[in-house]
Amino acid sequence: MVWTRTLIFWLNEDVRNPSVCLTVLQLILNRKANNKKGEAMNFQGSRRRGEEGIAVVIDFLLSNAHLVLGVGGAAVLGIATLAVKRLIERAGRAAEDEKVKQKMAESWEELSSVSASPTLLKKGVEGVKHVAKAARQQKAELSQQPQTSSSEVPPKPASKSKRLQLCALSLQERLQQYYHTRAALHPDEVLRAQSLAVDICSEIQGFLHSRVPDMPLGEMSLGGSLLDDLQVVSADHACLLVPLQLEATLWRLIPGEETLLTHPLHWMIRRVNLEYFPRGLSYWDRHLVGGYLSAEAVVNMFSKTVMESVNWLSISSTLDCLVRPVLGGPDLRLEIRPGNEDGAASSEPPVFISVLPLLTEEDVVLTAQPELTAPWVNAWHLSLYPWENRRLTQLDAADGGRRRHALKILKAVCRLNPSLRPLGAAPLANLILHLSDAEGDWSETSLHVRFRQCVAELIGYLEQGALHSYFKPAVNLLSGLSEDQVDRMGFMLYCAVSEPEILLI
């Protein structure tokens, strides 16, 4: 069996010379005619008449065929014929394999011509190689397609025709197509998610008014990307804003730069005038920690009062959907699955609603998000989203631009691409705001130019390891990324410099 494996191993070797195959067949036929019946099994490692290892293996097989194979000479001849056939087929594919390797080498030589950063390209992403090669091959097939009459060209599958049509589109057309098919949401889908969120908002607000009527709260409302038409791919999350009402004479909002944390996004809320208004006069005094209103204590209170106390089964039956809290996380989240006629959850994707306690003072919005301010229990997060969205809207209204249009495309690209998924909405919005200071033409016809610029600018920010906030330059929006994530994103974006279509697949 050992020598049988040796023969099989040799037969599986990548022999590409057809003349070798014919020589092997001749040796087998000659040695089969000279073999004697009943010859004992033996294998001599010496070389006779200058024969190499291949001839020795053949001699062993022929002299011991009845023991190794259990069949006669016909079986030996059949094995030899099959081996020669396989080797000839492999030799026929040799030229084609060489062309494929040469094409791959040319593709990567083109990619290496880009001014790549050694830091970003030190780790390869195999998936990007296949995507880039596929896009390039599709373009080559389209350009090399002969111009013949319809009678001479055989009909091709519809899928291949569609693929060639996509390759024929310009980048501007591909971006518009990507926006309508991936980034933009159907109005019915948005309306369904908003309707569910509004129903939950009414239920929670009614429960709080009956359970804790003395809690000073403002009117609850929806907020975030779903309400501002900035959500992409699917309408699967919404934000329920729960405004807390504070007495202006008892509380003071302290900017993050003036606190001991010295972080521009970590604000604190201090209880003041205790000598005139002692502790206990304000409802929120019960959530003080060290003289400051604790965001973590407020979130824990809402978790116990709302998440663990509301009768979600009753609400589910009232709204004809399955509503349940997502427990165990640092934030307050609800999962809603639309129901069907039988009362069971349907196959539609769920909608997640985040319950977000917040404080507002003029244009400052502070949110209770311990996952962003940990480990500081007293810190509140300064939300820059309202400022960023308002600025983008003002710029587009002033010149009829498509900055929000471009932002939705970038958000969809990053969400659907595993390598770019760590990039959130905030870095992309600030990327467009920074680029708007240098580029004034954001019309629909220049969308492809701005898209290429966004890719190039993002590569530069990744190389520097910093993308500073438009409104708070001290904040680095890329500080939460690991080195491996930066390398993966950098490699993908470098490939997109020469082939931007790979981001739109």
Protein backbone atom coordinates (compact mmCIF):
# COMPACT_ATOMS: atom_id res chain seq x y z
CA MET A 1 0.00 0.00 0.00
CA VAL A 2 2.94 2.32 0.61
CA TRP A 3 4.14 2.01 -2.96
CA THR A 4 0.60 2.30 -4.26
CA ARG A 5 0.38 5.67 -2.51
CA THR A 6 3.73 6.56 -4.06
CA LEU A 7 2.39 5.86 -7.54
CA ILE A 8 -0.81 7.81 -6.89
CA PHE A 9 1.22 10.73 -5.56
CA TRP A 10 3.33 10.71 -8.71
CA LEU A 11 0.24 10.52 -10.92
CA ASN A 12 -1.15 13.60 -9.17
CA GLU A 13 2.03 15.62 -9.78
CA ASP A 14 1.72 18.59 -12.13
CA VAL A 15 3.50 17.02 -15.15
CA ARG A 16 2.95 19.25 -18.15
CA ASN A 17 5.04 17.60 -20.92
CA PRO A 18 2.98 15.35 -23.23
CA SER A 19 6.12 13.56 -24.46
CA VAL A 20 6.73 12.31 -20.94
CA CYS A 21 3.23 10.84 -20.92
CA LEU A 22 3.89 8.90 -24.16
CA THR A 23 7.22 7.65 -22.83
CA VAL A 24 5.55 6.39 -19.69
CA LEU A 25 2.93 4.53 -21.67
CA GLN A 26 5.63 2.91 -23.86
CA LEU A 27 7.58 1.78 -20.77
CA ILE A 28 4.47 0.22 -19.29
CA LEU A 29 3.62 -1.70 -22.45
CA ASN A 30 7.19 -2.96 -22.90
CA ARG A 31 7.56 -4.04 -19.31
CA LYS A 32 4.14 -5.69 -19.28
CA ALA A 33 5.19 -7.92 -22.19
CA ASN A 34 8.42 -8.97 -20.42
CA ASN A 35 6.94 -9.68 -17.00
CA LYS A 36 6.68 -13.31 -15.90
CA LYS A 37 3.75 -14.86 -14.09
CA GLY A 38 4.19 -15.64 -10.40
CA GLU A 39 7.11 -13.29 -9.90
CA ALA A 40 7.50 -12.61 -6.19
CA MET A 41 6.80 -9.15 -4.84
CA ASN A 42 10.00 -7.15 -4.50
CA PHE A 43 11.13 -3.59 -4.79
CA GLN A 44 14.77 -2.78 -5.50
CA GLY A 45 15.85 0.76 -4.90
CA SER A 46 18.89 0.44 -7.20
CA ARG A 47 18.81 1.99 -10.64
CA ARG A 48 19.25 -0.37 -13.56
CA ARG A 49 20.26 0.79 -17.04
CA GLY A 50 20.21 4.40 -15.92
CA GLU A 51 16.52 4.39 -15.07
CA GLU A 52 15.19 7.12 -12.80
CA GLY A 53 12.61 6.86 -9.98
CA ILE A 54 9.62 6.85 -12.34
CA ALA A 55 10.81 3.75 -14.19
CA VAL A 56 11.52 1.97 -10.91
CA VAL A 57 7.97 2.59 -9.72
CA ILE A 58 6.57 1.31 -13.02
CA ASP A 59 8.74 -1.79 -12.81
CA PHE A 60 7.49 -2.45 -9.29
CA LEU A 61 3.85 -2.08 -10.32
CA LEU A 62 4.14 -4.37 -13.35
CA SER A 63 6.11 -7.05 -11.58
CA ASN A 64 3.69 -7.16 -8.66
CA ALA A 65 0.42 -6.16 -10.35
CA HIS A 66 -1.51 -9.22 -9.24
CA LEU A 67 -0.72 -8.52 -5.59
CA VAL A 68 -0.99 -4.75 -5.51
CA LEU A 69 -4.06 -4.38 -7.71
CA GLY A 70 -5.64 -7.79 -7.51
CA VAL A 71 -6.29 -7.80 -11.27
CA GLY A 72 -4.49 -8.81 -14.43
CA GLY A 73 -2.64 -6.98 -17.11
CA ALA A 74 -5.77 -5.30 -18.38
CA ALA A 75 -6.12 -3.40 -15.13
CA VAL A 76 -2.50 -2.25 -15.31
CA LEU A 77 -2.99 -1.06 -18.87
CA GLY A 78 -6.21 0.74 -17.86
CA ILE A 79 -4.48 2.55 -15.01
CA ALA A 80 -1.65 3.59 -17.27
CA THR A 81 -4.05 4.85 -19.93
CA LEU A 82 -6.01 6.87 -17.34
CA ALA A 83 -2.80 8.36 -15.98
CA VAL A 84 -1.61 9.40 -19.43
CA LYS A 85 -5.02 10.92 -20.18
CA ARG A 86 -4.96 12.99 -16.98
CA LEU A 87 -1.43 14.19 -17.66
CA ILE A 88 -2.27 15.22 -21.22
CA GLU A 89 -5.32 17.16 -19.99
CA ARG A 90 -3.19 18.98 -17.42
CA ALA A 91 -0.62 19.78 -20.08
CA GLY A 92 -3.39 21.27 -22.23
CA ARG A 93 -4.42 23.57 -19.38
CA ALA A 94 -0.88 24.75 -18.75
CA ALA A 95 -1.02 27.59 -21.28
CA GLU A 96 -4.32 28.84 -19.89
CA ASP A 97 -3.01 28.78 -16.30
CA GLU A 98 0.04 30.79 -17.34
CA LYS A 99 -2.21 33.43 -18.91
CA VAL A 100 -4.27 33.70 -15.72
CA LYS A 101 -1.16 34.11 -13.56
CA GLN A 102 0.21 36.74 -15.93
CA LYS A 103 -3.11 38.64 -15.80
CA MET A 104 -3.12 38.57 -12.01
CA ALA A 105 0.47 39.82 -11.91
CA GLU A 106 -0.42 42.73 -14.23
CA SER A 107 -3.42 43.61 -12.07
CA TRP A 108 -1.36 43.81 -8.91
CA GLU A 109 1.37 45.76 -10.70
CA GLU A 110 -1.29 48.34 -11.56
CA LEU A 111 -2.41 48.44 -7.94
CA SER A 112 1.16 48.85 -6.70
CA SER A 113 1.53 51.95 -8.92
CA VAL A 114 -0.73 53.79 -6.46
CA SER A 115 1.25 55.66 -3.82
CA ALA A 116 0.49 53.10 -1.16
CA SER A 117 1.44 53.43 2.48
CA PRO A 118 3.53 50.53 3.87
CA THR A 119 1.69 50.75 7.15
CA LEU A 120 -1.72 50.34 5.57
CA LEU A 121 -0.70 47.64 3.07
CA LYS A 122 1.27 45.38 5.37
CA LYS A 123 -1.78 43.17 5.89
CA GLY A 124 -3.66 41.84 2.85
CA VAL A 125 -7.37 41.33 2.55
CA GLU A 126 -7.96 38.36 0.30
CA GLY A 127 -11.56 39.20 -0.38
CA VAL A 128 -10.61 42.54 -1.91
CA LYS A 129 -8.26 40.82 -4.36
CA HIS A 130 -11.04 38.71 -5.81
CA VAL A 131 -13.46 41.64 -6.03
CA ALA A 132 -10.92 43.91 -7.72
CA LYS A 133 -9.93 41.19 -10.19
CA ALA A 134 -13.58 40.44 -10.99
CA ALA A 135 -14.37 44.07 -11.71
CA ARG A 136 -11.28 44.44 -13.91
CA GLN A 137 -12.02 41.25 -15.85
CA GLN A 138 -15.59 42.38 -16.49
CA LYS A 139 -14.34 45.66 -17.97
CA ALA A 140 -11.81 43.78 -20.13
CA GLU A 141 -14.49 41.45 -21.45
CA LEU A 142 -16.66 44.41 -22.37
CA SER A 143 -13.88 46.24 -24.21
CA GLN A 144 -12.75 43.12 -26.11
CA GLN A 145 -16.25 42.07 -27.16
CA PRO A 146 -16.26 41.76 -31.00
CA GLN A 147 -18.70 43.87 -32.98
CA THR A 148 -20.64 41.21 -34.93
CA SER A 149 -24.17 40.91 -36.18
CA SER A 150 -26.91 39.45 -34.05
CA SER A 151 -27.10 36.37 -36.28
CA GLU A 152 -23.46 35.48 -35.63
CA VAL A 153 -23.48 35.99 -31.88
CA PRO A 154 -25.14 33.19 -29.91
CA PRO A 155 -27.60 34.21 -27.18
CA LYS A 156 -25.99 34.72 -23.74
CA PRO A 157 -27.50 34.26 -20.31
CA ALA A 158 -29.40 37.24 -18.93
CA SER A 159 -27.22 37.40 -15.84
CA LYS A 160 -24.06 37.92 -17.89
CA SER A 161 -25.75 40.61 -19.99
CA LYS A 162 -26.76 42.50 -16.86
CA ARG A 163 -23.24 42.22 -15.52
CA LEU A 164 -21.80 43.70 -18.72
CA GLN A 165 -24.37 46.48 -18.63
CA LEU A 166 -23.31 47.39 -15.09
CA CYS A 167 -19.68 47.55 -16.18
CA ALA A 168 -20.67 49.82 -19.08
CA LEU A 169 -22.17 52.38 -16.69
CA SER A 170 -20.12 55.38 -15.73
CA LEU A 171 -19.19 56.03 -12.12
CA GLN A 172 -21.77 58.81 -11.97
CA GLU A 173 -24.50 56.42 -13.15
CA ARG A 174 -23.34 53.70 -10.78
CA LEU A 175 -23.52 56.12 -7.84
CA GLN A 176 -27.04 57.16 -8.72
CA GLN A 177 -28.08 53.54 -9.13
CA TYR A 178 -26.45 52.61 -5.82
CA TYR A 179 -28.22 55.46 -4.05
CA HIS A 180 -31.68 54.39 -5.24
CA THR A 181 -31.15 50.65 -4.71
CA ARG A 182 -29.09 50.57 -1.50
CA ALA A 183 -28.89 53.91 0.29
CA ALA A 184 -32.36 55.41 -0.11
CA LEU A 185 -35.19 53.80 1.84
CA HIS A 186 -38.66 53.13 0.53
CA PRO A 187 -41.21 55.60 1.98
CA ASP A 188 -43.46 52.75 3.12
CA GLU A 189 -40.60 51.19 5.10
CA VAL A 190 -39.78 54.49 6.79
CA LEU A 191 -43.44 55.10 7.60
CA ARG A 192 -43.79 51.64 9.15
CA ALA A 193 -40.77 52.15 11.43
CA GLN A 194 -41.87 55.65 12.41
CA SER A 195 -45.38 54.46 13.19
CA LEU A 196 -44.07 51.73 15.49
CA ALA A 197 -41.77 54.19 17.25
CA VAL A 198 -44.56 56.72 17.76
CA ASP A 199 -46.84 54.05 19.23
CA ILE A 200 -44.14 52.95 21.67
CA CYS A 201 -43.46 56.58 22.55
CA SER A 202 -47.12 57.13 23.48
CA GLU A 203 -47.23 53.96 25.59
CA ILE A 204 -44.06 54.80 27.54
CA GLN A 205 -45.07 58.40 28.12
CA GLY A 206 -48.51 57.37 29.39
CA PHE A 207 -46.95 54.77 31.70
CA LEU A 208 -44.50 57.27 33.21
CA HIS A 209 -47.20 59.86 33.80
CA SER A 210 -49.29 57.33 35.70
CA ARG A 211 -46.42 55.59 37.52
CA VAL A 212 -44.24 58.60 38.48
CA PRO A 213 -46.40 61.70 37.91
CA ASP A 214 -43.99 63.95 39.80
CA MET A 215 -41.05 63.20 37.45
CA PRO A 216 -40.40 66.44 35.52
CA LEU A 217 -40.16 65.33 31.89
CA GLY A 218 -40.70 67.17 28.65
CA GLU A 219 -42.67 65.95 25.66
CA MET A 220 -41.13 62.78 24.26
CA SER A 221 -40.37 62.71 20.55
CA LEU A 222 -38.48 60.82 17.88
CA GLY A 223 -35.02 61.83 16.79
CA GLY A 224 -31.97 60.63 14.93
CA SER A 225 -31.34 59.49 11.38
CA LEU A 226 -34.78 57.94 10.85
CA LEU A 227 -36.53 61.25 11.42
CA ASP A 228 -33.92 63.28 9.49
CA ASP A 229 -33.95 61.03 6.39
CA LEU A 230 -30.33 59.98 6.89
CA GLN A 231 -30.89 56.30 7.56
CA VAL A 232 -29.65 53.87 4.89
CA VAL A 233 -30.01 50.23 3.79
CA SER A 234 -33.00 49.50 6.06
CA ALA A 235 -35.22 51.35 8.53
CA ASP A 236 -34.24 49.23 11.49
CA HIS A 237 -33.54 51.66 14.33
CA ALA A 238 -35.03 54.79 15.85
CA CYS A 239 -34.34 57.02 18.83
CA LEU A 240 -36.90 57.98 21.47
CA LEU A 241 -35.85 61.25 23.12
CA VAL A 242 -36.83 61.67 26.77
CA PRO A 243 -36.04 65.28 27.82
CA LEU A 244 -35.38 65.91 31.51
CA GLN A 245 -36.48 69.25 32.92
CA LEU A 246 -34.06 70.92 35.34
CA GLU A 247 -34.53 74.04 37.43
CA ALA A 248 -32.30 76.73 35.96
CA THR A 249 -31.42 78.14 39.41
CA LEU A 250 -30.40 74.77 40.85
CA TRP A 251 -28.28 73.26 38.09
CA ARG A 252 -25.37 74.38 35.97
CA LEU A 253 -24.02 72.70 32.83
CA ILE A 254 -20.21 72.63 32.85
CA PRO A 255 -18.37 72.25 29.50
CA GLY A 256 -16.02 69.31 29.22
CA GLU A 257 -12.93 71.50 28.89
CA GLU A 258 -13.69 73.07 32.28
CA THR A 259 -14.06 69.79 34.15
CA LEU A 260 -11.39 67.62 35.72
CA LEU A 261 -11.85 65.21 32.81
CA THR A 262 -10.77 67.91 30.30
CA HIS A 263 -12.60 66.02 27.56
CA PRO A 264 -14.57 68.30 25.20
CA LEU A 265 -17.42 65.79 24.84
CA HIS A 266 -17.71 64.85 28.55
CA TRP A 267 -19.82 67.51 30.23
CA MET A 268 -20.99 67.55 33.84
CA ILE A 269 -24.11 68.95 35.58
CA ARG A 270 -23.42 70.45 39.01
CA ARG A 271 -25.94 71.12 41.74
CA VAL A 272 -25.62 74.78 42.77
CA ASN A 273 -27.06 77.14 45.41
CA LEU A 274 -27.24 74.42 48.06
CA GLU A 275 -26.96 77.06 50.79
CA TYR A 276 -30.24 78.65 49.68
CA PHE A 277 -31.96 75.61 48.15
CA PRO A 278 -30.94 72.51 50.12
CA ARG A 279 -30.83 69.05 48.65
CA GLY A 280 -34.25 67.51 48.15
CA LEU A 281 -35.98 70.51 46.57
CA SER A 282 -35.32 69.17 43.09
CA TYR A 283 -36.65 65.81 41.93
CA TRP A 284 -33.26 64.98 40.41
CA ASP A 285 -31.39 65.44 43.71
CA ARG A 286 -31.91 61.73 44.38
CA HIS A 287 -29.53 60.96 41.49
CA LEU A 288 -26.63 63.09 42.74
CA VAL A 289 -23.18 61.54 43.02
CA GLY A 290 -20.54 63.78 44.56
CA GLY A 291 -22.54 66.94 43.96
CA TYR A 292 -23.15 66.18 40.25
CA LEU A 293 -26.13 64.68 38.45
CA SER A 294 -25.04 61.18 37.49
CA ALA A 295 -25.89 60.03 33.96
CA GLU A 296 -25.39 56.42 35.00
CA ALA A 297 -27.82 56.78 37.92
CA VAL A 298 -30.43 58.29 35.59
CA VAL A 299 -30.08 55.43 33.11
CA ASN A 300 -30.35 52.85 35.89
CA MET A 301 -33.51 54.55 37.13
CA PHE A 302 -35.13 54.42 33.68
CA SER A 303 -34.05 50.81 33.28
CA LYS A 304 -35.89 49.79 36.43
CA THR A 305 -38.88 52.09 35.93
CA VAL A 306 -39.49 51.43 32.26
CA MET A 307 -37.64 48.38 31.00
CA GLU A 308 -38.36 46.13 33.98
CA SER A 309 -41.74 47.46 35.05
CA VAL A 310 -43.80 48.01 31.91
CA ASN A 311 -46.19 45.21 30.95
CA TRP A 312 -44.74 44.58 27.52
CA LEU A 313 -47.06 41.63 26.83
CA SER A 314 -50.06 43.89 27.19
CA ILE A 315 -48.51 46.51 24.93
CA SER A 316 -47.64 43.83 22.37
CA SER A 317 -51.26 42.68 22.20
CA THR A 318 -52.47 46.28 21.91
CA LEU A 319 -50.08 47.19 19.09
CA ASP A 320 -50.30 43.81 17.30
CA CYS A 321 -46.55 43.36 17.48
CA LEU A 322 -43.97 41.74 19.70
CA VAL A 323 -42.26 44.27 21.99
CA ARG A 324 -39.53 43.27 24.42
CA PRO A 325 -36.64 45.07 26.12
CA VAL A 326 -33.03 44.25 25.24
CA LEU A 327 -31.57 43.68 28.68
CA GLY A 328 -27.95 43.31 29.69
CA GLY A 329 -26.51 46.21 27.71
CA PRO A 330 -25.39 49.65 28.84
CA ASP A 331 -28.12 51.41 26.84
CA LEU A 332 -31.93 51.32 26.96
CA ARG A 333 -33.19 49.47 23.90
CA LEU A 334 -36.46 47.92 22.79
CA GLU A 335 -36.89 45.30 20.09
CA ILE A 336 -40.10 45.46 18.07
CA ARG A 337 -41.15 42.75 15.65
CA PRO A 338 -44.25 43.49 13.57
CA GLY A 339 -47.01 40.91 14.00
CA ASN A 340 -49.14 39.13 11.43
CA GLU A 341 -52.84 38.26 11.37
CA ASP A 342 -52.34 35.30 13.72
CA GLY A 343 -50.75 37.51 16.36
CA ALA A 344 -47.31 35.93 15.96
CA ALA A 345 -44.16 37.78 14.95
CA SER A 346 -43.79 38.15 11.19
CA SER A 347 -40.68 37.52 9.11
CA GLU A 348 -40.04 41.25 8.65
CA PRO A 349 -36.81 42.56 10.20
CA PRO A 350 -37.14 43.97 13.72
CA VAL A 351 -36.96 47.63 14.62
CA PHE A 352 -34.78 48.66 17.56
CA ILE A 353 -35.74 51.75 19.54
CA SER A 354 -33.24 53.41 21.86
CA VAL A 355 -34.68 55.29 24.83
CA LEU A 356 -32.36 58.25 25.32
CA PRO A 357 -32.62 60.57 28.37
CA LEU A 358 -31.21 64.00 27.51
CA LEU A 359 -30.84 67.58 28.68
CA THR A 360 -31.01 70.64 26.45
CA GLU A 361 -29.92 74.20 27.05
CA GLU A 362 -30.08 76.51 24.04
CA ASP A 363 -28.18 74.61 21.31
CA VAL A 364 -26.39 72.24 23.72
CA VAL A 365 -27.72 68.68 23.86
CA LEU A 366 -26.35 66.35 26.54
CA THR A 367 -27.28 62.66 26.46
CA ALA A 368 -27.06 60.01 29.16
CA GLN A 369 -24.94 57.36 27.41
CA PRO A 370 -22.66 55.57 29.88
CA GLU A 371 -21.25 53.42 27.06
CA LEU A 372 -19.66 56.59 25.62
CA THR A 373 -18.57 58.24 28.87
CA ALA A 374 -17.38 55.22 30.88
CA PRO A 375 -15.82 54.92 33.38
CA TRP A 376 -17.00 58.36 34.55
CA VAL A 377 -20.45 57.92 36.16
CA ASN A 378 -21.11 61.67 36.37
CA ALA A 379 -20.23 62.53 32.77
CA TRP A 380 -22.84 63.40 30.12
CA HIS A 381 -22.12 63.10 26.42
CA LEU A 382 -22.23 66.22 24.26
CA SER A 383 -24.07 65.22 21.08
CA LEU A 384 -22.66 66.87 17.96
CA TYR A 385 -25.19 65.21 15.67
CA PRO A 386 -27.69 68.12 15.73
CA TRP A 387 -24.93 70.57 14.79
CA GLU A 388 -23.59 68.38 11.98
CA ASN A 389 -27.01 67.71 10.48
CA ARG A 390 -28.01 71.35 10.71
CA ARG A 391 -24.78 72.47 9.01
CA LEU A 392 -25.16 69.98 6.14
CA THR A 393 -28.76 71.07 5.61
CA GLN A 394 -27.78 74.75 5.54
CA LEU A 395 -24.99 74.17 3.03
CA ASP A 396 -27.21 72.17 0.69
CA ALA A 397 -29.99 74.75 0.92
CA ALA A 398 -27.57 77.58 0.11
CA ASP A 399 -26.14 76.14 -3.12
CA GLY A 400 -28.55 73.31 -4.03
CA GLY A 401 -25.87 70.75 -3.24
CA ARG A 402 -26.07 67.03 -2.62
CA ARG A 403 -23.94 66.68 0.51
CA ARG A 404 -26.54 64.68 2.40
CA HIS A 405 -27.00 62.62 -0.76
CA ALA A 406 -23.26 61.83 -0.75
CA LEU A 407 -23.31 61.13 2.98
CA LYS A 408 -26.03 58.49 2.57
CA ILE A 409 -24.02 56.78 -0.18
CA LEU A 410 -20.91 56.69 2.02
CA LYS A 411 -22.90 55.38 4.98
CA ALA A 412 -24.38 52.59 2.85
CA VAL A 413 -20.95 51.66 1.46
CA CYS A 414 -19.44 51.42 4.94
CA ARG A 415 -22.37 49.49 6.36
CA LEU A 416 -22.41 46.89 3.58
CA ASN A 417 -18.62 46.48 3.35
CA PRO A 418 -17.18 44.38 6.21
CA SER A 419 -13.80 46.10 6.02
CA LEU A 420 -15.31 49.60 6.28
CA ARG A 421 -18.04 48.79 8.78
CA PRO A 422 -16.15 50.23 11.81
CA LEU A 423 -16.55 53.70 10.26
CA GLY A 424 -19.66 55.25 11.78
CA ALA A 425 -21.83 58.11 10.62
CA ALA A 426 -19.98 60.81 12.60
CA PRO A 427 -16.58 60.47 10.83
CA LEU A 428 -18.27 60.42 7.42
CA ALA A 429 -20.37 63.51 8.16
CA ASN A 430 -17.31 65.41 9.37
CA LEU A 431 -15.37 64.23 6.32
CA ILE A 432 -17.93 65.91 4.06
CA LEU A 433 -18.01 69.05 6.21
CA HIS A 434 -14.22 69.42 6.00
CA LEU A 435 -14.27 68.80 2.26
CA SER A 436 -17.04 71.38 1.82
CA ASP A 437 -14.68 74.08 3.07
CA ALA A 438 -12.35 73.35 0.14
CA GLU A 439 -14.85 72.36 -2.57
CA GLY A 440 -17.89 74.45 -3.41
CA ASP A 441 -19.41 72.42 -6.23
CA TRP A 442 -21.64 69.73 -4.73
CA SER A 443 -24.13 69.57 -7.57
CA GLU A 444 -25.60 66.28 -8.69
CA THR A 445 -23.43 66.19 -11.82
CA SER A 446 -20.23 66.39 -9.78
CA LEU A 447 -21.19 63.57 -7.42
CA HIS A 448 -18.61 61.15 -8.88
CA VAL A 449 -15.81 63.72 -8.45
CA ARG A 450 -16.71 64.35 -4.82
CA PHE A 451 -16.99 60.60 -4.20
CA ARG A 452 -13.42 60.04 -5.42
CA GLN A 453 -12.25 62.95 -3.30
CA CYS A 454 -13.92 61.51 -0.20
CA VAL A 455 -12.07 58.22 -0.75
CA ALA A 456 -8.73 60.01 -1.17
CA GLU A 457 -9.32 62.26 1.84
CA LEU A 458 -10.30 59.33 4.01
CA ILE A 459 -7.07 57.51 3.09
CA GLY A 460 -5.11 60.55 4.24
CA TYR A 461 -6.95 60.69 7.56
CA LEU A 462 -6.30 56.99 8.14
CA GLU A 463 -2.60 57.44 7.42
CA GLN A 464 -2.47 60.25 9.97
CA GLY A 465 -4.58 58.25 12.41
CA ALA A 466 -6.78 61.27 13.11
CA LEU A 467 -9.96 62.85 11.74
CA HIS A 468 -10.75 65.89 13.85
CA SER A 469 -14.32 66.92 14.56
CA TYR A 470 -15.55 69.87 12.52
CA PHE A 471 -17.00 71.61 15.59
CA LYS A 472 -14.61 70.23 18.25
CA PRO A 473 -11.12 69.96 16.70
CA ALA A 474 -9.75 68.45 19.91
CA VAL A 475 -11.87 65.35 19.31
CA ASN A 476 -10.31 62.62 17.14
CA LEU A 477 -13.15 60.65 15.56
CA LEU A 478 -10.80 57.77 14.63
CA SER A 479 -9.43 57.22 18.12
CA GLY A 480 -11.67 54.20 18.71
CA LEU A 481 -10.28 52.20 15.77
CA SER A 482 -7.71 49.46 16.25
CA GLU A 483 -4.57 49.13 14.13
CA ASP A 484 -5.96 46.08 12.37
CA GLN A 485 -9.19 47.90 11.49
CA VAL A 486 -7.21 50.84 10.09
CA ASP A 487 -5.11 48.48 7.95
CA ARG A 488 -8.16 46.73 6.54
CA MET A 489 -9.95 49.97 5.76
CA GLY A 490 -6.82 51.48 4.24
CA PHE A 491 -6.26 48.51 1.97
CA MET A 492 -9.85 48.53 0.73
CA LEU A 493 -9.77 52.27 0.05
CA TYR A 494 -6.42 52.01 -1.78
CA CYS A 495 -7.99 49.46 -4.10
CA ALA A 496 -10.92 51.84 -4.63
CA VAL A 497 -8.59 54.63 -5.82
CA SER A 498 -8.14 52.92 -9.20
CA GLU A 499 -11.36 50.88 -9.12
CA PRO A 500 -14.03 52.84 -7.18
CA GLU A 501 -16.69 50.44 -8.46
CA ILE A 502 -15.56 47.78 -5.97
CA LEU A 503 -17.20 49.86 -3.22
CA LEU A 504 -20.53 49.79 -5.05
CA ILE A 505 -20.88 46.05 -5.56
